[in-house]
Amino acid sequence: ALRDCRKRLADENNVPPYVIFHDVTLLQMATDKPQT
């Protein structure tokens, strides 16, 4: 779901997905599950 969100935002902004966030950032989001 995080990867899909990144891809959608990347497409909307005409940039590669890594410009939005790198994989390591998404992995930390998936692990830490920030709510704020």
All heavy atoms as atom14 arrays in JSON, in Angstrom:
{
  "sequence": "ALRDCRKRLADENNVPPYVIFHDVTLLQMATDKPQT",
  "atom14_mask": [
    [1, 1, 1, 1, 1, 0, 0, 0, 0, 0, 0, 0, 0, 0],
    [1, 1, 1, 1, 1, 1, 1, 1, 0, 0, 0, 0, 0, 0],
    [1, 1, 1, 1, 1, 1, 1, 1, 1, 1, 1, 0, 0, 0],
    [1, 1, 1, 1, 1, 1, 1, 1, 0, 0, 0, 0, 0, 0],
    [1, 1, 1, 1, 1, 1, 0, 0, 0, 0, 0, 0, 0, 0],
    [1, 1, 1, 1, 1, 1, 1, 1, 1, 1, 1, 0, 0, 0],
    [1, 1, 1, 1, 1, 1, 1, 1, 1, 0, 0, 0, 0, 0],
    [1, 1, 1, 1, 1, 1, 1, 1, 1, 1, 1, 0, 0, 0],
    [1, 1, 1, 1, 1, 1, 1, 1, 0, 0, 0, 0, 0, 0],
    [1, 1, 1, 1, 1, 0, 0, 0, 0, 0, 0, 0, 0, 0],
    [1, 1, 1, 1, 1, 1, 1, 1, 0, 0, 0, 0, 0, 0],
    [1, 1, 1, 1, 1, 1, 1, 1, 1, 0, 0, 0, 0, 0],
    [1, 1, 1, 1, 1, 1, 1, 1, 0, 0, 0, 0, 0, 0],
    [1, 1, 1, 1, 1, 1, 1, 1, 0, 0, 0, 0, 0, 0],
    [1, 1, 1, 1, 1, 1, 1, 0, 0, 0, 0, 0, 0, 0],
    [1, 1, 1, 1, 1, 1, 1, 0, 0, 0, 0, 0, 0, 0],
    [1, 1, 1, 1, 1, 1, 1, 0, 0, 0, 0, 0, 0, 0],
    [1, 1, 1, 1, 1, 1, 1, 1, 1, 1, 1, 1, 0, 0],
    [1, 1, 1, 1, 1, 1, 1, 0, 0, 0, 0, 0, 0, 0],
    [1, 1, 1, 1, 1, 1, 1, 1, 0, 0, 0, 0, 0, 0],
    [1, 1, 1, 1, 1, 1, 1, 1, 1, 1, 1, 0, 0, 0],
    [1, 1, 1, 1, 1, 1, 1, 1, 1, 1, 0, 0, 0, 0],
    [1, 1, 1, 1, 1, 1, 1, 1, 0, 0, 0, 0, 0, 0],
    [1, 1, 1, 1, 1, 1, 1, 0, 0, 0, 0, 0, 0, 0],
    [1, 1, 1, 1, 1, 1, 1, 0, 0, 0, 0, 0, 0, 0],
    [1, 1, 1, 1, 1, 1, 1, 1, 0, 0, 0, 0, 0, 0],
    [1, 1, 1, 1, 1, 1, 1, 1, 0, 0, 0, 0, 0, 0],
    [1, 1, 1, 1, 1, 1, 1, 1, 1, 0, 0, 0, 0, 0],
    [1, 1, 1, 1, 1, 1, 1, 1, 0, 0, 0, 0, 0, 0],
    [1, 1, 1, 1, 1, 0, 0, 0, 0, 0, 0, 0, 0, 0],
    [1, 1, 1, 1, 1, 1, 1, 0, 0, 0, 0, 0, 0, 0],
    [1, 1, 1, 1, 1, 1, 1, 1, 0, 0, 0, 0, 0, 0],
    [1, 1, 1, 1, 1, 1, 1, 1, 1, 0, 0, 0, 0, 0],
    [1, 1, 1, 1, 1, 1, 1, 0, 0, 0, 0, 0, 0, 0],
    [1, 1, 1, 1, 1, 1, 1, 1, 1, 0, 0, 0, 0, 0],
    [1, 1, 1, 1, 1, 1, 1, 0, 0, 0, 0, 0, 0, 0]
  ],
  "atom14_positions": [
    [[0.84, -1.21, 0.0], [0.0, 0.0, 0.0], [0.87, 1.26, 0.0], [0.56, 2.24, -0.69], [-0.93, -0.01, 1.21], [0.0, 0.0, 0.0], [0.0, 0.0, 0.0], [0.0, 0.0, 0.0], [0.0, 0.0, 0.0], [0.0, 0.0, 0.0], [0.0, 0.0, 0.0], [0.0, 0.0, 0.0], [0.0, 0.0, 0.0], [0.0, 0.0, 0.0]],
    [[1.96, 1.24, 0.76], [2.88, 2.38, 0.78], [3.54, 2.56, -0.59], [3.68, 3.69, -1.08], [3.94, 2.2, 1.87], [3.43, 2.32, 3.31], [4.49, 1.81, 4.28], [3.04, 3.75, 3.63], [0.0, 0.0, 0.0], [0.0, 0.0, 0.0], [0.0, 0.0, 0.0], [0.0, 0.0, 0.0], [0.0, 0.0, 0.0], [0.0, 0.0, 0.0]],
    [[3.92, 1.47, -1.21], [4.54, 1.54, -2.54], [3.54, 2.06, -3.57], [3.9, 2.86, -4.43], [5.07, 0.16, -2.96], [6.28, -0.26, -2.11], [6.87, -1.56, -2.58], [7.55, -1.33, -3.84], [7.43, -2.12, -4.91], [6.69, -3.2, -4.87], [8.09, -1.85, -6.01], [0.0, 0.0, 0.0], [0.0, 0.0, 0.0], [0.0, 0.0, 0.0]],
    [[2.29, 1.61, -3.47], [1.26, 2.1, -4.39], [1.03, 3.6, -4.22], [0.88, 4.32, -5.22], [-0.06, 1.35, -4.17], [-0.01, -0.1, -4.62], [0.93, -0.47, -5.37], [-0.9, -0.88, -4.23], [0.0, 0.0, 0.0], [0.0, 0.0, 0.0], [0.0, 0.0, 0.0], [0.0, 0.0, 0.0], [0.0, 0.0, 0.0], [0.0, 0.0, 0.0]],
    [[1.01, 4.05, -2.98], [0.84, 5.47, -2.7], [2.0, 6.27, -3.29], [1.8, 7.31, -3.93], [0.74, 5.69, -1.19], [0.52, 7.41, -0.69], [0.0, 0.0, 0.0], [0.0, 0.0, 0.0], [0.0, 0.0, 0.0], [0.0, 0.0, 0.0], [0.0, 0.0, 0.0], [0.0, 0.0, 0.0], [0.0, 0.0, 0.0], [0.0, 0.0, 0.0]],
    [[3.22, 5.78, -3.08], [4.4, 6.46, -3.62], [4.34, 6.52, -5.14], [4.63, 7.57, -5.73], [5.67, 5.72, -3.16], [6.93, 6.3, -3.75], [8.17, 5.6, -3.27], [8.22, 4.22, -3.76], [9.22, 3.39, -3.5], [10.23, 3.78, -2.75], [9.21, 2.17, -3.97], [0.0, 0.0, 0.0], [0.0, 0.0, 0.0], [0.0, 0.0, 0.0]],
    [[3.94, 5.44, -5.78], [3.86, 5.4, -7.24], [2.82, 6.39, -7.76], [3.05, 7.12, -8.72], [3.52, 3.97, -7.69], [3.3, 3.81, -9.17], [4.58, 3.91, -9.95], [4.36, 3.48, -11.39], [4.73, 4.51, -12.35], [0.0, 0.0, 0.0], [0.0, 0.0, 0.0], [0.0, 0.0, 0.0], [0.0, 0.0, 0.0], [0.0, 0.0, 0.0]],
    [[1.67, 6.43, -7.09], [0.61, 7.36, -7.5], [1.09, 8.81, -7.39], [0.92, 9.61, -8.31], [-0.63, 7.15, -6.62], [-1.77, 8.1, -6.94], [-2.99, 7.84, -6.07], [-2.73, 7.86, -4.64], [-2.58, 8.97, -3.91], [-2.66, 10.16, -4.47], [-2.36, 8.88, -2.62], [0.0, 0.0, 0.0], [0.0, 0.0, 0.0], [0.0, 0.0, 0.0]],
    [[1.73, 9.15, -6.27], [2.24, 10.5, -6.08], [3.36, 10.82, -7.07], [3.44, 11.94, -7.58], [2.74, 10.68, -4.64], [1.66, 10.71, -3.57], [2.28, 10.61, -2.18], [0.79, 11.94, -3.7], [0.0, 0.0, 0.0], [0.0, 0.0, 0.0], [0.0, 0.0, 0.0], [0.0, 0.0, 0.0], [0.0, 0.0, 0.0], [0.0, 0.0, 0.0]],
    [[4.2, 9.85, -7.35], [5.27, 10.05, -8.32], [4.69, 10.33, -9.71], [5.14, 11.24, -10.41], [6.19, 8.83, -8.36], [0.0, 0.0, 0.0], [0.0, 0.0, 0.0], [0.0, 0.0, 0.0], [0.0, 0.0, 0.0], [0.0, 0.0, 0.0], [0.0, 0.0, 0.0], [0.0, 0.0, 0.0], [0.0, 0.0, 0.0], [0.0, 0.0, 0.0]],
    [[3.69, 9.56, -10.09], [3.05, 9.77, -11.39], [2.39, 11.15, -11.46], [2.51, 11.85, -12.47], [2.02, 8.68, -11.68], [2.65, 7.32, -11.95], [3.88, 7.25, -12.17], [1.91, 6.31, -11.94], [0.0, 0.0, 0.0], [0.0, 0.0, 0.0], [0.0, 0.0, 0.0], [0.0, 0.0, 0.0], [0.0, 0.0, 0.0], [0.0, 0.0, 0.0]],
    [[1.71, 11.54, -10.4], [1.05, 12.84, -10.36], [2.04, 13.99, -10.46], [1.72, 15.05, -11.01], [0.25, 12.99, -9.06], [-1.0, 12.15, -8.99], [-1.67, 12.2, -7.62], [-1.24, 12.99, -6.75], [-2.64, 11.44, -7.43], [0.0, 0.0, 0.0], [0.0, 0.0, 0.0], [0.0, 0.0, 0.0], [0.0, 0.0, 0.0], [0.0, 0.0, 0.0]],
    [[3.24, 13.79, -9.93], [4.26, 14.84, -9.9], [5.31, 14.69, -11.0], [6.27, 15.45, -11.04], [4.93, 14.88, -8.53], [4.0, 15.41, -7.46], [3.81, 16.61, -7.34], [3.38, 14.52, -6.69], [0.0, 0.0, 0.0], [0.0, 0.0, 0.0], [0.0, 0.0, 0.0], [0.0, 0.0, 0.0], [0.0, 0.0, 0.0], [0.0, 0.0, 0.0]],
    [[5.12, 13.67, -11.85], [6.06, 13.41, -12.96], [7.5, 13.28, -12.49], [8.42, 13.88, -13.06], [5.94, 14.5, -14.03], [4.58, 14.51, -14.69], [4.08, 13.46, -15.1], [3.97, 15.67, -14.77], [0.0, 0.0, 0.0], [0.0, 0.0, 0.0], [0.0, 0.0, 0.0], [0.0, 0.0, 0.0], [0.0, 0.0, 0.0], [0.0, 0.0, 0.0]],
    [[7.69, 12.5, -11.43], [9.03, 12.23, -10.91], [9.15, 10.72, -10.66], [8.15, 10.03, -10.52], [9.31, 13.0, -9.6], [9.31, 14.5, -9.83], [8.34, 12.62, -8.5], [0.0, 0.0, 0.0], [0.0, 0.0, 0.0], [0.0, 0.0, 0.0], [0.0, 0.0, 0.0], [0.0, 0.0, 0.0], [0.0, 0.0, 0.0], [0.0, 0.0, 0.0]],
    [[10.38, 10.2, -10.59], [10.56, 8.79, -10.23], [10.12, 8.57, -8.78], [10.23, 9.49, -7.95], [12.06, 8.55, -10.39], [12.63, 9.77, -11.0], [11.64, 10.87, -10.88], [0.0, 0.0, 0.0], [0.0, 0.0, 0.0], [0.0, 0.0, 0.0], [0.0, 0.0, 0.0], [0.0, 0.0, 0.0], [0.0, 0.0, 0.0], [0.0, 0.0, 0.0]],
    [[9.63, 7.37, -8.45], [9.16, 7.1, -7.09], [10.17, 7.41, -5.98], [9.8, 7.89, -4.92], [8.81, 5.61, -7.13], [8.46, 5.35, -8.55], [9.38, 6.24, -9.35], [0.0, 0.0, 0.0], [0.0, 0.0, 0.0], [0.0, 0.0, 0.0], [0.0, 0.0, 0.0], [0.0, 0.0, 0.0], [0.0, 0.0, 0.0], [0.0, 0.0, 0.0]],
    [[11.47, 7.17, -6.24], [12.46, 7.4, -5.19], [12.56, 8.88, -4.8], [13.03, 9.2, -3.71], [13.84, 6.86, -5.58], [14.53, 7.61, -6.68], [15.25, 8.77, -6.41], [14.48, 7.16, -7.99], [15.88, 9.47, -7.43], [15.09, 7.85, -9.01], [15.8, 9.01, -8.72], [16.43, 9.7, -9.72], [0.0, 0.0, 0.0], [0.0, 0.0, 0.0]],
    [[12.09, 9.77, -5.66], [12.09, 11.2, -5.33], [11.07, 11.47, -4.22], [11.28, 12.35, -3.38], [11.81, 12.07, -6.57], [11.57, 13.52, -6.22], [12.96, 11.94, -7.57], [0.0, 0.0, 0.0], [0.0, 0.0, 0.0], [0.0, 0.0, 0.0], [0.0, 0.0, 0.0], [0.0, 0.0, 0.0], [0.0, 0.0, 0.0], [0.0, 0.0, 0.0]],
    [[9.98, 10.72, -4.21], [8.98, 10.87, -3.16], [9.57, 10.35, -1.85], [9.73, 11.11, -0.91], [7.68, 10.1, -3.52], [7.13, 10.51, -4.89], [6.63, 10.28, -2.41], [6.7, 11.94, -5.03], [0.0, 0.0, 0.0], [0.0, 0.0, 0.0], [0.0, 0.0, 0.0], [0.0, 0.0, 0.0], [0.0, 0.0, 0.0], [0.0, 0.0, 0.0]],
    [[9.89, 9.07, -1.78], [10.58, 8.46, -0.63], [11.34, 7.24, -1.11], [10.87, 6.52, -1.99], [9.6, 8.01, 0.46], [8.95, 9.13, 1.23], [7.57, 9.23, 1.28], [9.7, 10.07, 1.91], [6.95, 10.26, 1.99], [9.09, 11.1, 2.61], [7.71, 11.19, 2.65], [0.0, 0.0, 0.0], [0.0, 0.0, 0.0], [0.0, 0.0, 0.0]],
    [[12.5, 6.99, -0.52], [13.28, 5.79, -0.82], [12.64, 4.58, -0.13], [11.86, 4.72, 0.81], [14.72, 5.96, -0.33], [15.52, 6.92, -1.14], [16.12, 6.57, -2.32], [15.79, 8.24, -0.95], [16.74, 7.63, -2.83], [16.56, 8.65, -2.01], [0.0, 0.0, 0.0], [0.0, 0.0, 0.0], [0.0, 0.0, 0.0], [0.0, 0.0, 0.0]],
    [[13.01, 3.39, -0.61], [12.5, 2.15, -0.02], [12.76, 2.07, 1.48], [11.9, 1.62, 2.24], [13.13, 0.92, -0.7], [12.48, 0.57, -2.02], [11.46, 1.21, -2.39], [12.98, -0.35, -2.69], [0.0, 0.0, 0.0], [0.0, 0.0, 0.0], [0.0, 0.0, 0.0], [0.0, 0.0, 0.0], [0.0, 0.0, 0.0], [0.0, 0.0, 0.0]],
    [[13.93, 2.5, 1.91], [14.27, 2.41, 3.34], [13.29, 3.25, 4.17], [12.92, 2.85, 5.28], [15.74, 2.82, 3.6], [15.98, 4.29, 3.37], [16.16, 2.41, 5.0], [0.0, 0.0, 0.0], [0.0, 0.0, 0.0], [0.0, 0.0, 0.0], [0.0, 0.0, 0.0], [0.0, 0.0, 0.0], [0.0, 0.0, 0.0], [0.0, 0.0, 0.0]],
    [[12.83, 4.37, 3.62], [11.86, 5.2, 4.32], [10.52, 4.49, 4.42], [9.88, 4.47, 5.48], [11.71, 6.56, 3.6], [13.0, 7.2, 3.55], [10.73, 7.47, 4.31], [0.0, 0.0, 0.0], [0.0, 0.0, 0.0], [0.0, 0.0, 0.0], [0.0, 0.0, 0.0], [0.0, 0.0, 0.0], [0.0, 0.0, 0.0], [0.0, 0.0, 0.0]],
    [[10.1, 3.87, 3.31], [8.84, 3.12, 3.32], [8.91, 1.93, 4.28], [7.94, 1.63, 4.99], [8.48, 2.63, 1.92], [8.2, 3.7, 0.86], [7.7, 3.04, -0.42], [7.23, 4.74, 1.34], [0.0, 0.0, 0.0], [0.0, 0.0, 0.0], [0.0, 0.0, 0.0], [0.0, 0.0, 0.0], [0.0, 0.0, 0.0], [0.0, 0.0, 0.0]],
    [[10.05, 1.26, 4.32], [10.22, 0.14, 5.25], [10.1, 0.6, 6.7], [9.48, -0.08, 7.52], [11.57, -0.56, 5.02], [11.64, -1.46, 3.8], [13.08, -1.89, 3.55], [10.74, -2.66, 3.97], [0.0, 0.0, 0.0], [0.0, 0.0, 0.0], [0.0, 0.0, 0.0], [0.0, 0.0, 0.0], [0.0, 0.0, 0.0], [0.0, 0.0, 0.0]],
    [[10.69, 1.74, 7.0], [10.59, 2.26, 8.37], [9.15, 2.64, 8.68], [8.67, 2.42, 9.79], [11.53, 3.44, 8.58], [11.66, 3.82, 10.03], [12.7, 4.89, 10.29], [13.46, 5.27, 9.43], [12.72, 5.38, 11.52], [0.0, 0.0, 0.0], [0.0, 0.0, 0.0], [0.0, 0.0, 0.0], [0.0, 0.0, 0.0], [0.0, 0.0, 0.0]],
    [[8.42, 3.2, 7.69], [7.0, 3.51, 7.9], [6.22, 2.23, 8.18], [5.35, 2.2, 9.07], [6.41, 4.19, 6.67], [6.79, 5.62, 6.49], [5.94, 6.28, 5.03], [6.98, 7.68, 4.66], [0.0, 0.0, 0.0], [0.0, 0.0, 0.0], [0.0, 0.0, 0.0], [0.0, 0.0, 0.0], [0.0, 0.0, 0.0], [0.0, 0.0, 0.0]],
    [[6.51, 1.18, 7.42], [5.8, -0.09, 7.59], [6.1, -0.72, 8.96], [5.25, -1.37, 9.55], [6.18, -1.06, 6.47], [0.0, 0.0, 0.0], [0.0, 0.0, 0.0], [0.0, 0.0, 0.0], [0.0, 0.0, 0.0], [0.0, 0.0, 0.0], [0.0, 0.0, 0.0], [0.0, 0.0, 0.0], [0.0, 0.0, 0.0], [0.0, 0.0, 0.0]],
    [[7.3, -0.49, 9.46], [7.7, -1.03, 10.76], [7.17, -0.19, 11.92], [6.57, -0.72, 12.85], [9.24, -1.11, 10.85], [9.72, -1.93, 9.78], [9.69, -1.67, 12.18], [0.0, 0.0, 0.0], [0.0, 0.0, 0.0], [0.0, 0.0, 0.0], [0.0, 0.0, 0.0], [0.0, 0.0, 0.0], [0.0, 0.0, 0.0], [0.0, 0.0, 0.0]],
    [[7.37, 1.13, 11.82], [7.01, 2.02, 12.93], [5.53, 2.41, 12.94], [4.99, 2.76, 13.98], [7.86, 3.29, 12.89], [9.33, 3.02, 13.13], [9.7, 1.87, 13.41], [10.12, 3.99, 13.04], [0.0, 0.0, 0.0], [0.0, 0.0, 0.0], [0.0, 0.0, 0.0], [0.0, 0.0, 0.0], [0.0, 0.0, 0.0], [0.0, 0.0, 0.0]],
    [[4.89, 2.37, 11.77], [3.46, 2.71, 11.62], [3.12, 4.04, 12.29], [2.3, 4.1, 13.21], [2.59, 1.58, 12.15], [2.8, 0.3, 11.38], [1.99, -0.84, 11.95], [2.24, -2.07, 11.11], [2.3, -3.28, 11.86], [0.0, 0.0, 0.0], [0.0, 0.0, 0.0], [0.0, 0.0, 0.0], [0.0, 0.0, 0.0], [0.0, 0.0, 0.0]],
    [[3.74, 5.13, 11.84], [3.48, 6.44, 12.46], [2.02, 6.86, 12.3], [1.42, 6.64, 11.25], [4.41, 7.38, 11.7], [4.63, 6.72, 10.38], [4.6, 5.24, 10.67], [0.0, 0.0, 0.0], [0.0, 0.0, 0.0], [0.0, 0.0, 0.0], [0.0, 0.0, 0.0], [0.0, 0.0, 0.0], [0.0, 0.0, 0.0], [0.0, 0.0, 0.0]],
    [[1.46, 7.45, 13.35], [0.06, 7.87, 13.34], [-0.11, 9.38, 13.36], [-1.22, 9.89, 13.23], [-0.66, 7.26, 14.54], [-0.72, 5.75, 14.51], [-1.49, 5.24, 13.32], [-2.66, 5.58, 13.13], [-0.86, 4.43, 12.48], [0.0, 0.0, 0.0], [0.0, 0.0, 0.0], [0.0, 0.0, 0.0], [0.0, 0.0, 0.0], [0.0, 0.0, 0.0]],
    [[0.99, 10.11, 13.55], [0.94, 11.57, 13.62], [2.01, 12.16, 12.72], [2.97, 11.48, 12.34], [1.18, 12.07, 15.05], [2.54, 11.74, 15.43], [0.2, 11.47, 16.05], [0.0, 0.0, 0.0], [0.0, 0.0, 0.0], [0.0, 0.0, 0.0], [0.0, 0.0, 0.0], [0.0, 0.0, 0.0], [0.0, 0.0, 0.0], [0.0, 0.0, 0.0]]
  ]
}
